[in-house]
Amino acid sequence: MFSDNRNGGKLNRLDISTGQITTFYQSPKAIQYPMFSADGKRVVFSEESIVANLWETKLTALHENSVESTVTPKKLALSSSGVERQPAYSPDGRKLAFLSDRNGEMQLWIADDEQLIPAPMLPKGAIIDSFSWSPDNQQLVIATKDKALLRYQLTTQTIDELLHEQSAAFPIYAHDGLKLYFSSDKSGQWEIWSFNLQNGKTQQVTTSGGYQVKLAADDTTMYITKYDQTGIWQYDLKTGVENEIIADLARTTQYTLCDNALYYEKQVMTGDVWQYSVTDNHTQLAFTLPRKTQISFDVTPNCQKMAFAYQEDLQADIVELSWNE
């Protein structure tokens, strides 16, 4: 017996002798810790309901190692009673992309001042892992949990596959719109690769590791994490020279780049976002929540505001199912 929480919660049963998997209970809530009774005719588990909404806060009142006390976050009107996460501002700052399960399944949504629309559902079974905007604000590139690379066209409301020959994760557009950068383990370890949108050719960029990637505005410098090493690294695309600029950060650390500053979490489940200046190597606290929690965030292109999602409420019930066979 095991649970599958990719879309709501499924309770599955595996027949060890045949390998057949059957789903016999579906819940809109996540299912955790299923356990059989001694006679095998009952199963008990936890159903968890999480509320995570989108908030926005100003970042214009930073002081030395502190945050001005008068800066108060506000909940965005587009929030629902479900789970919202991974906010991402468009390059012009006028749209916000995010994931939401308000329709029963986790789906990509786009909001601006006038409307809130869902992206088309992905091919059956595909789950969004990460996504980023194109420079013209009209497309998003999407990496799925099975490491496929898709492109969502806002004007036509269509999704097409970009890359299927190799695994791809954490894609971003180059600022000229002609190329994508992403990570892949095609070479045997996770490295940064490029994908030419004009001719469809891929090329390995790094050779000493690369996992997540952010690109400076001049398209000549990358900021990367590595799969088997901690820290954020600065990588020169012209010379191939790299150096570690922030130490002791996990490969899955959330971070973003705005002008000449990196915004990142030092540790998960703290509710703190820190700012690192690339020009003078200065670090200061940019934002903190009153309680420890996991957050996902993005900074506006003008570096004036931050959108973030965090877990506001968690409720759980114990459920027992029984059957006769």
Protein backbone atom coordinates (compact mmCIF):
# COMPACT_ATOMS: atom_id res chain seq x y z
CA MET A 1 0.00 0.00 0.00
CA PHE A 2 1.37 3.43 -0.88
CA SER A 3 0.19 6.98 -1.57
CA ASP A 4 0.66 9.16 -4.64
CA ASN A 5 0.25 12.90 -4.01
CA ARG A 6 1.04 14.41 -7.39
CA ASN A 7 -2.60 15.40 -8.03
CA GLY A 8 -4.57 15.33 -4.82
CA GLY A 9 -4.05 12.07 -2.97
CA LYS A 10 -4.31 8.52 -4.30
CA LEU A 11 -4.14 5.38 -2.22
CA ASN A 12 -2.61 2.62 -4.34
CA ARG A 13 -2.22 -1.10 -3.80
CA LEU A 14 0.61 -3.08 -5.35
CA ASP A 15 0.17 -6.82 -5.94
CA ILE A 16 3.69 -8.08 -5.30
CA SER A 17 3.14 -11.34 -7.17
CA THR A 18 1.93 -9.70 -10.42
CA GLY A 19 3.30 -6.15 -10.19
CA GLN A 20 -0.18 -4.75 -10.85
CA ILE A 21 -1.00 -1.40 -9.26
CA THR A 22 -4.61 -0.41 -8.55
CA THR A 23 -5.98 2.84 -7.14
CA PHE A 24 -8.87 2.24 -4.75
CA TYR A 25 -9.23 5.62 -3.04
CA GLN A 26 -8.88 9.17 -4.38
CA SER A 27 -8.89 12.28 -2.20
CA PRO A 28 -8.51 16.00 -2.98
CA LYS A 29 -6.16 16.09 0.01
CA ALA A 30 -2.66 14.67 0.34
CA ILE A 31 -2.51 11.16 1.84
CA GLN A 32 0.32 10.30 4.23
CA TYR A 33 1.54 7.22 6.14
CA PRO A 34 -0.90 4.46 5.09
CA MET A 35 -0.74 1.41 7.38
CA PHE A 36 -2.44 -2.01 7.14
CA SER A 37 -4.25 -3.57 10.05
CA ALA A 38 -3.06 -7.01 11.22
CA ASP A 39 -5.87 -8.81 9.34
CA GLY A 40 -5.18 -6.86 6.14
CA LYS A 41 -8.80 -5.72 5.78
CA ARG A 42 -8.38 -2.17 7.01
CA VAL A 43 -5.98 0.64 6.27
CA VAL A 44 -5.48 3.80 8.29
CA PHE A 45 -3.84 6.98 6.98
CA SER A 46 -3.61 10.74 7.42
CA GLU A 47 -5.32 13.22 5.08
CA GLU A 48 -3.59 16.59 5.10
CA SER A 49 -5.04 19.91 3.94
CA ILE A 50 -2.62 22.79 3.34
CA VAL A 51 -3.39 26.47 2.67
CA ALA A 52 -0.60 28.42 0.97
CA ASN A 53 -1.43 31.81 -0.55
CA LEU A 54 0.44 34.48 -2.48
CA TRP A 55 1.63 37.63 -0.73
CA GLU A 56 3.58 40.69 -1.84
CA THR A 57 5.94 42.95 0.10
CA LYS A 58 8.05 46.02 -0.67
CA LEU A 59 11.83 45.73 -0.77
CA THR A 60 12.55 49.46 -0.96
CA ALA A 61 13.31 50.10 2.72
CA LEU A 62 16.32 47.87 3.35
CA HIS A 63 18.67 48.88 6.14
CA GLU A 64 22.02 47.50 7.20
CA ASN A 65 21.27 43.91 8.30
CA SER A 66 17.63 44.73 9.10
CA VAL A 67 14.21 45.26 7.58
CA GLU A 68 12.16 48.40 8.22
CA SER A 69 9.36 47.50 10.64
CA THR A 70 6.75 49.53 8.75
CA VAL A 71 6.94 47.25 5.68
CA THR A 72 3.85 45.04 5.95
CA PRO A 73 3.16 42.28 3.40
CA LYS A 74 -0.28 42.14 1.79
CA LYS A 75 -2.14 39.09 0.55
CA LEU A 76 -2.78 39.23 -3.19
CA ALA A 77 -6.43 39.31 -4.23
CA LEU A 78 -5.88 36.40 -6.64
CA SER A 79 -5.24 34.00 -3.73
CA SER A 80 -7.65 31.11 -3.13
CA SER A 81 -8.37 28.71 -0.28
CA GLY A 82 -6.02 26.10 -1.73
CA VAL A 83 -2.31 25.94 -2.40
CA GLU A 84 -0.51 28.62 -4.41
CA ARG A 85 3.27 28.48 -4.91
CA GLN A 86 6.22 29.37 -7.17
CA PRO A 87 5.29 32.95 -8.15
CA ALA A 88 7.24 34.35 -11.11
CA TYR A 89 6.99 37.93 -12.43
CA SER A 90 7.10 38.54 -16.18
CA PRO A 91 10.08 40.59 -17.43
CA ASP A 92 7.88 43.69 -17.81
CA GLY A 93 6.55 43.23 -14.26
CA ARG A 94 2.93 43.30 -15.43
CA LYS A 95 2.07 39.59 -15.16
CA LEU A 96 2.52 36.97 -12.46
CA ALA A 97 2.73 33.25 -13.21
CA PHE A 98 2.20 30.76 -10.39
CA LEU A 99 1.03 27.26 -9.60
CA SER A 100 -2.37 26.67 -7.99
CA ASP A 101 -4.59 23.68 -7.21
CA ARG A 102 -7.78 25.78 -7.07
CA ASN A 103 -9.32 23.65 -9.83
CA GLY A 104 -8.52 20.37 -8.09
CA GLU A 105 -5.15 19.76 -9.77
CA MET A 106 -1.92 21.72 -9.62
CA GLN A 107 -1.92 23.95 -12.71
CA LEU A 108 -0.07 26.96 -14.10
CA TRP A 109 -1.99 30.26 -13.89
CA ILE A 110 -1.28 33.73 -15.29
CA ALA A 111 -2.53 36.91 -13.61
CA ASP A 112 -2.34 40.59 -14.53
CA ASP A 113 -4.34 43.68 -13.59
CA GLU A 114 -7.26 42.66 -15.79
CA GLN A 115 -7.64 38.88 -15.70
CA LEU A 116 -6.67 35.57 -14.17
CA ILE A 117 -6.43 32.65 -16.60
CA PRO A 118 -5.24 29.03 -16.33
CA ALA A 119 -2.76 27.60 -18.79
CA PRO A 120 -3.90 24.50 -20.69
CA MET A 121 -3.50 21.27 -18.78
CA LEU A 122 -0.28 19.42 -19.51
CA PRO A 123 -0.25 16.01 -21.21
CA LYS A 124 -1.75 13.38 -18.92
CA GLY A 125 0.54 12.48 -16.06
CA ALA A 126 2.93 15.43 -16.55
CA ILE A 127 3.64 17.48 -13.43
CA ILE A 128 5.27 20.93 -13.50
CA ASP A 129 8.61 21.14 -11.74
CA SER A 130 9.85 24.63 -12.73
CA PHE A 131 9.14 27.35 -15.30
CA SER A 132 10.36 30.77 -16.47
CA TRP A 133 9.28 33.66 -18.71
CA SER A 134 10.49 34.59 -22.18
CA PRO A 135 11.92 38.13 -22.63
CA ASP A 136 8.88 39.22 -24.70
CA ASN A 137 6.42 38.21 -21.91
CA GLN A 138 4.51 35.98 -24.33
CA GLN A 139 5.86 32.52 -23.53
CA LEU A 140 6.88 30.35 -20.61
CA VAL A 141 9.26 27.42 -20.78
CA ILE A 142 8.25 24.55 -18.48
CA ALA A 143 10.26 21.64 -17.11
CA THR A 144 8.21 18.69 -15.88
CA LYS A 145 9.08 16.28 -13.08
CA ASP A 146 9.91 13.62 -15.69
CA LYS A 147 12.43 16.13 -17.14
CA ALA A 148 10.63 17.02 -20.38
CA LEU A 149 10.87 20.59 -21.73
CA LEU A 150 7.63 22.29 -22.87
CA ARG A 151 6.74 25.75 -24.18
CA TYR A 152 3.50 27.57 -23.33
CA GLN A 153 2.34 30.25 -25.80
CA LEU A 154 0.08 32.81 -24.08
CA THR A 155 -1.35 34.29 -27.28
CA THR A 156 -2.52 30.96 -28.71
CA GLN A 157 -3.04 29.16 -25.37
CA THR A 158 -1.08 26.16 -26.65
CA ILE A 159 1.67 23.96 -25.22
CA ASP A 160 4.24 22.20 -27.37
CA GLU A 161 7.27 20.04 -26.63
CA LEU A 162 10.68 21.63 -27.17
CA LEU A 163 13.08 18.90 -26.16
CA HIS A 164 12.68 15.18 -25.66
CA GLU A 165 16.09 13.73 -26.57
CA GLN A 166 17.56 14.34 -23.11
CA SER A 167 16.55 15.21 -19.55
CA ALA A 168 16.06 18.91 -18.79
CA ALA A 169 15.48 20.84 -15.55
CA PHE A 170 15.38 24.48 -14.37
CA PRO A 171 15.18 26.13 -17.82
CA ILE A 172 15.60 29.89 -18.38
CA TYR A 173 15.61 32.10 -21.47
CA ALA A 174 18.63 34.10 -22.54
CA HIS A 175 17.77 37.81 -22.58
CA ASP A 176 18.02 37.94 -26.38
CA GLY A 177 15.26 35.31 -26.60
CA LEU A 178 17.26 33.09 -28.97
CA LYS A 179 18.49 30.49 -26.52
CA LEU A 180 17.54 28.53 -23.43
CA TYR A 181 19.81 27.41 -20.62
CA PHE A 182 18.91 24.36 -18.55
CA SER A 183 20.48 21.57 -16.52
CA SER A 184 20.76 17.97 -17.69
CA ASP A 185 22.50 14.77 -16.62
CA LYS A 186 23.01 13.61 -20.21
CA SER A 187 26.82 13.66 -19.82
CA GLY A 188 26.69 11.47 -16.72
CA GLN A 189 26.45 14.25 -14.15
CA TRP A 190 24.27 17.37 -13.87
CA GLU A 191 25.68 20.18 -16.03
CA ILE A 192 24.33 23.38 -17.61
CA TRP A 193 23.38 23.07 -21.28
CA SER A 194 22.12 25.51 -23.92
CA PHE A 195 19.31 24.97 -26.42
CA ASN A 196 19.24 27.04 -29.62
CA LEU A 197 15.60 27.93 -30.34
CA GLN A 198 16.38 28.66 -34.00
CA ASN A 199 18.01 25.40 -35.04
CA GLY A 200 17.06 23.09 -32.14
CA LYS A 201 20.67 22.20 -31.28
CA THR A 202 21.86 21.57 -27.72
CA GLN A 203 25.35 22.18 -26.37
CA GLN A 204 26.97 21.44 -23.03
CA VAL A 205 28.16 24.64 -21.30
CA THR A 206 29.72 23.65 -17.95
CA THR A 207 32.04 20.72 -17.28
CA SER A 208 32.48 20.83 -13.50
CA GLY A 209 28.84 20.71 -12.44
CA GLY A 210 25.68 22.78 -12.78
CA TYR A 211 22.14 22.35 -11.48
CA GLN A 212 20.02 25.50 -11.10
CA VAL A 213 20.96 28.52 -13.22
CA LYS A 214 20.25 32.27 -13.32
CA LEU A 215 21.56 34.53 -16.06
CA ALA A 216 22.87 38.10 -15.77
CA ALA A 217 21.29 40.76 -18.01
CA ASP A 218 24.27 40.89 -20.39
CA ASP A 219 24.02 37.12 -21.06
CA THR A 220 27.72 36.63 -20.24
CA THR A 221 27.56 35.56 -16.58
CA MET A 222 25.63 32.72 -14.95
CA TYR A 223 24.94 32.04 -11.28
CA ILE A 224 24.58 28.32 -10.66
CA THR A 225 24.22 25.70 -7.95
CA LYS A 226 25.80 22.27 -8.30
CA TYR A 227 24.31 18.84 -7.71
CA ASP A 228 27.13 17.43 -5.57
CA GLN A 229 28.62 20.63 -4.12
CA THR A 230 27.12 23.30 -1.89
CA GLY A 231 27.09 27.02 -2.67
CA ILE A 232 26.21 29.45 -5.46
CA TRP A 233 28.85 29.83 -8.16
CA GLN A 234 29.56 32.65 -10.61
CA TYR A 235 30.39 31.33 -14.09
CA ASP A 236 31.83 33.41 -16.96
CA LEU A 237 30.34 32.18 -20.25
CA LYS A 238 33.19 33.70 -22.31
CA THR A 239 36.15 32.28 -20.38
CA GLY A 240 34.64 29.31 -18.54
CA VAL A 241 36.11 30.61 -15.28
CA GLU A 242 33.98 30.00 -12.19
CA ASN A 243 34.23 30.91 -8.53
CA GLU A 244 32.08 30.27 -5.48
CA ILE A 245 30.50 33.48 -4.18
CA ILE A 246 28.09 32.15 -1.51
CA ALA A 247 29.06 29.06 0.49
CA ASP A 248 27.10 26.30 2.20
CA LEU A 249 23.86 26.45 0.22
CA ALA A 250 22.07 23.29 -0.93
CA ARG A 251 21.60 22.59 -4.66
CA THR A 252 17.83 23.13 -4.27
CA THR A 253 18.23 26.55 -2.62
CA GLN A 254 15.65 29.02 -3.92
CA TYR A 255 17.33 32.08 -5.36
CA THR A 256 16.76 34.76 -7.98
CA LEU A 257 18.82 37.49 -9.60
CA CYS A 258 17.79 41.16 -9.85
CA ASP A 259 20.23 43.75 -11.24
CA ASN A 260 23.48 43.05 -9.38
CA ALA A 261 21.95 41.29 -6.38
CA LEU A 262 21.09 37.69 -5.57
CA TYR A 263 18.09 37.00 -3.33
CA TYR A 264 18.21 33.59 -1.64
CA GLU A 265 17.37 31.43 1.36
CA LYS A 266 20.25 30.53 3.63
CA GLN A 267 18.28 27.56 4.95
CA VAL A 268 14.88 26.08 4.17
CA MET A 269 12.03 26.40 6.69
CA THR A 270 13.25 29.71 8.15
CA GLY A 271 11.08 32.27 6.36
CA ASP A 272 14.15 34.46 5.71
CA VAL A 273 15.29 35.88 2.36
CA TRP A 274 18.78 37.37 2.11
CA GLN A 275 20.29 39.78 -0.41
CA TYR A 276 23.84 39.40 -1.72
CA SER A 277 25.42 42.24 -3.73
CA VAL A 278 27.52 40.90 -6.60
CA THR A 279 29.38 44.22 -6.90
CA ASP A 280 30.66 44.56 -3.31
CA ASN A 281 30.03 41.07 -1.82
CA HIS A 282 27.80 42.55 0.90
CA THR A 283 25.05 40.41 2.47
CA GLN A 284 21.97 41.67 4.31
CA LEU A 285 18.59 40.38 5.40
CA ALA A 286 15.96 41.42 2.85
CA PHE A 287 12.79 39.91 4.33
CA THR A 288 11.72 37.70 7.21
CA LEU A 289 8.43 36.12 8.25
CA PRO A 290 7.35 36.14 11.91
CA ARG A 291 7.47 32.34 12.05
CA LYS A 292 9.60 29.62 10.54
CA THR A 293 8.12 28.19 7.36
CA GLN A 294 9.02 27.14 3.83
CA ILE A 295 8.49 29.83 1.20
CA SER A 296 8.82 30.26 -2.56
CA PHE A 297 9.41 33.73 -3.95
CA ASP A 298 10.36 36.03 -6.83
CA VAL A 299 11.48 39.66 -7.09
CA THR A 300 10.03 42.23 -9.52
CA PRO A 301 12.30 43.24 -12.44
CA ASN A 302 12.82 46.69 -10.86
CA CYS A 303 13.80 45.01 -7.54
CA GLN A 304 11.15 47.00 -5.65
CA LYS A 305 8.81 44.20 -4.55
CA MET A 306 8.81 40.50 -3.76
CA ALA A 307 5.97 38.03 -4.24
CA PHE A 308 6.07 34.99 -2.01
CA ALA A 309 4.00 31.96 -1.07
CA TYR A 310 4.17 30.25 2.26
CA GLN A 311 2.26 27.65 4.19
CA GLU A 312 -0.33 29.45 6.31
CA ASP A 313 -2.28 26.52 7.69
CA LEU A 314 -1.98 22.74 7.90
CA GLN A 315 -4.83 20.51 9.05
CA ALA A 316 -4.89 16.73 9.19
CA ASP A 317 -7.48 14.01 9.83
CA ILE A 318 -6.99 10.32 10.54
CA VAL A 319 -9.05 8.15 8.16
CA GLU A 320 -9.77 4.42 8.25
CA LEU A 321 -10.98 2.37 5.28
CA SER A 322 -12.18 -1.22 5.48
CA TRP A 323 -13.32 -3.78 2.92
CA ASN A 324 -14.35 -7.41 2.58
CA GLU A 325 -12.81 -9.65 -0.04
